[in-house]
Amino acid sequence: MLTYYHPITVRYRDLDPQGHVNNTVYLTYLESARLGYYEAVGIWRKDSGLSTGMVVVHNDIDYLEPVFLGDDVQVGIELAKLGTKSLTFEFQIESKGDGRVFAKGQSVMVAFDNQAEKSIPIPEDWREKINHYEKGNQPT
């Protein structure tokens, strides 16, 4: 069980000519889940990206089953590794109803100072909040 779940509404605009969600949209779903995770953890504010934020450095995704309009979808995410400057997340896009897994993978983010245009160590208060959140949301 992952530590954070984000509901997804599949929109008609997400579909490709085959009638299923386009592969690129899965990354948008993941982005929504990461932002929801940051908010739940307490490390994101609307204006926080203006000075210090995070950037994507790697996404790895396995597409297992197509998502169709009307599917009840959620993205589960959890921290797999907390490095000096990076966070590695495990995620899966799944059905809320029957637990089918549509896609799964990893996403690596790096703490970044937008003004200086360089990576930075993960702020200590972020580290504390992330560790606290992850410990409190582990399955029993």
Protein backbone atom coordinates (compact mmCIF):
# COMPACT_ATOMS: atom_id res chain seq x y z
CA MET A 1 0.00 0.00 0.00
CA LEU A 2 1.34 3.41 -0.97
CA THR A 3 1.35 6.35 1.45
CA TYR A 4 -0.63 8.92 -0.58
CA TYR A 5 -3.51 8.52 -3.04
CA HIS A 6 -4.70 11.19 -5.44
CA PRO A 7 -8.04 10.86 -7.26
CA ILE A 8 -8.04 11.42 -11.01
CA THR A 9 -10.90 12.44 -13.24
CA VAL A 10 -10.41 11.03 -16.73
CA ARG A 11 -11.45 13.74 -19.17
CA TYR A 12 -12.51 13.34 -22.78
CA ARG A 13 -9.53 15.50 -23.79
CA ASP A 14 -7.19 12.88 -22.24
CA LEU A 15 -8.15 10.32 -24.88
CA ASP A 16 -6.30 9.46 -28.07
CA PRO A 17 -7.85 8.22 -31.35
CA GLN A 18 -7.98 4.66 -29.96
CA GLY A 19 -10.34 5.84 -27.21
CA HIS A 20 -8.00 5.29 -24.28
CA VAL A 21 -5.94 7.75 -22.25
CA ASN A 22 -2.89 8.87 -24.21
CA ASN A 23 0.42 7.71 -22.76
CA THR A 24 1.62 11.30 -22.22
CA VAL A 25 -1.37 12.09 -20.01
CA TYR A 26 -0.20 9.51 -17.45
CA LEU A 27 2.66 11.89 -16.63
CA THR A 28 0.15 14.69 -16.05
CA TYR A 29 -1.71 12.40 -13.64
CA LEU A 30 1.60 11.71 -11.88
CA GLU A 31 2.35 15.43 -11.68
CA SER A 32 -1.04 16.04 -10.01
CA ALA A 33 -0.30 13.29 -7.49
CA ARG A 34 3.16 14.65 -6.67
CA LEU A 35 1.72 18.11 -6.04
CA GLY A 36 -1.00 16.59 -3.84
CA TYR A 37 1.68 14.67 -1.94
CA TYR A 38 3.73 17.86 -1.40
CA GLU A 39 0.62 19.63 -0.10
CA ALA A 40 -0.29 16.72 2.20
CA VAL A 41 3.27 16.62 3.55
CA GLY A 42 3.32 20.40 4.07
CA ILE A 43 6.23 21.33 1.80
CA TRP A 44 4.30 23.16 -0.91
CA ARG A 45 2.72 26.59 -1.01
CA LYS A 46 1.29 28.31 -4.08
CA ASP A 47 4.25 30.69 -4.21
CA SER A 48 6.97 28.23 -3.14
CA GLY A 49 8.00 27.39 -6.69
CA LEU A 50 8.97 30.99 -7.30
CA SER A 51 12.17 30.66 -5.30
CA THR A 52 12.85 27.08 -4.29
CA GLY A 53 11.05 24.11 -5.71
CA MET A 54 11.66 20.78 -7.37
CA VAL A 55 12.32 19.72 -10.92
CA VAL A 56 11.82 16.36 -12.60
CA VAL A 57 15.07 14.66 -13.57
CA HIS A 58 13.78 11.19 -14.43
CA ASN A 59 10.51 9.35 -15.02
CA ASP A 60 10.24 5.63 -15.64
CA ILE A 61 6.82 4.21 -16.41
CA ASP A 62 5.49 0.80 -17.39
CA TYR A 63 2.11 0.89 -19.13
CA LEU A 64 0.24 -2.25 -18.09
CA GLU A 65 -3.38 -1.70 -19.11
CA PRO A 66 -5.26 1.08 -20.92
CA VAL A 67 -7.37 3.63 -19.06
CA PHE A 68 -10.73 4.52 -20.63
CA LEU A 69 -13.18 7.36 -20.13
CA GLY A 70 -15.33 6.46 -17.12
CA ASP A 71 -12.62 4.47 -15.31
CA ASP A 72 -12.42 5.40 -11.61
CA VAL A 73 -8.69 6.16 -11.31
CA GLN A 74 -6.26 7.16 -8.57
CA VAL A 75 -2.51 7.61 -8.39
CA GLY A 76 -0.75 6.10 -5.39
CA ILE A 77 2.66 7.46 -4.50
CA GLU A 78 5.26 6.96 -1.80
CA LEU A 79 8.80 8.00 -1.13
CA ALA A 80 11.28 5.26 -2.06
CA LYS A 81 14.48 7.19 -1.35
CA LEU A 82 15.37 10.51 0.20
CA GLY A 83 18.81 11.59 -0.98
CA THR A 84 20.87 14.69 -0.35
CA LYS A 85 19.30 16.66 -3.22
CA SER A 86 16.83 14.18 -4.69
CA LEU A 87 13.61 12.36 -3.87
CA THR A 88 12.72 9.11 -5.60
CA PHE A 89 9.05 8.21 -5.69
CA GLU A 90 7.39 4.91 -6.52
CA PHE A 91 3.95 5.31 -8.03
CA GLN A 92 1.14 3.44 -9.63
CA ILE A 93 -1.95 4.49 -11.50
CA GLU A 94 -4.76 2.18 -10.49
CA SER A 95 -8.49 1.60 -10.43
CA LYS A 96 -10.19 2.78 -7.26
CA GLY A 97 -12.84 0.13 -7.73
CA ASP A 98 -11.08 -3.16 -8.27
CA GLY A 99 -7.39 -2.30 -7.76
CA ARG A 100 -6.32 -3.00 -11.36
CA VAL A 101 -2.94 -1.41 -12.00
CA PHE A 102 -2.85 0.59 -15.22
CA ALA A 103 0.74 1.80 -14.91
CA LYS A 104 3.58 1.90 -12.41
CA GLY A 105 7.04 3.35 -12.17
CA GLN A 106 9.44 5.75 -10.53
CA SER A 107 9.91 9.49 -10.60
CA VAL A 108 13.04 11.32 -9.42
CA MET A 109 12.83 14.93 -8.34
CA VAL A 110 15.65 17.30 -7.39
CA ALA A 111 15.38 20.28 -5.05
CA PHE A 112 16.09 23.35 -7.12
CA ASP A 113 16.72 27.04 -6.55
CA ASN A 114 15.04 28.78 -9.48
CA GLN A 115 16.74 32.12 -8.91
CA ALA A 116 20.24 30.64 -8.80
CA GLU A 117 19.28 28.05 -11.47
CA LYS A 118 20.96 25.16 -9.66
CA SER A 119 20.14 22.13 -7.57
CA ILE A 120 20.28 22.50 -3.80
CA PRO A 121 20.23 20.16 -0.81
CA ILE A 122 16.73 19.25 0.31
CA PRO A 123 15.82 21.80 3.00
CA GLU A 124 15.94 20.31 6.48
CA ASP A 125 12.34 21.29 7.28
CA TRP A 126 11.20 19.44 4.12
CA ARG A 127 13.19 16.39 5.18
CA GLU A 128 11.56 16.40 8.63
CA LYS A 129 8.04 16.83 7.22
CA ILE A 130 8.55 14.10 4.61
CA ASN A 131 9.90 11.62 7.16
CA HIS A 132 7.08 12.41 9.58
CA TYR A 133 4.43 11.99 6.87
CA GLU A 134 5.89 8.74 5.54
CA LYS A 135 6.16 7.19 9.03
CA GLY A 136 2.61 8.20 9.91
CA ASN A 137 1.11 6.78 6.71
CA GLN A 138 2.73 3.34 6.61
CA PRO A 139 0.28 0.45 6.31
CA THR A 140 -0.29 -1.50 9.51
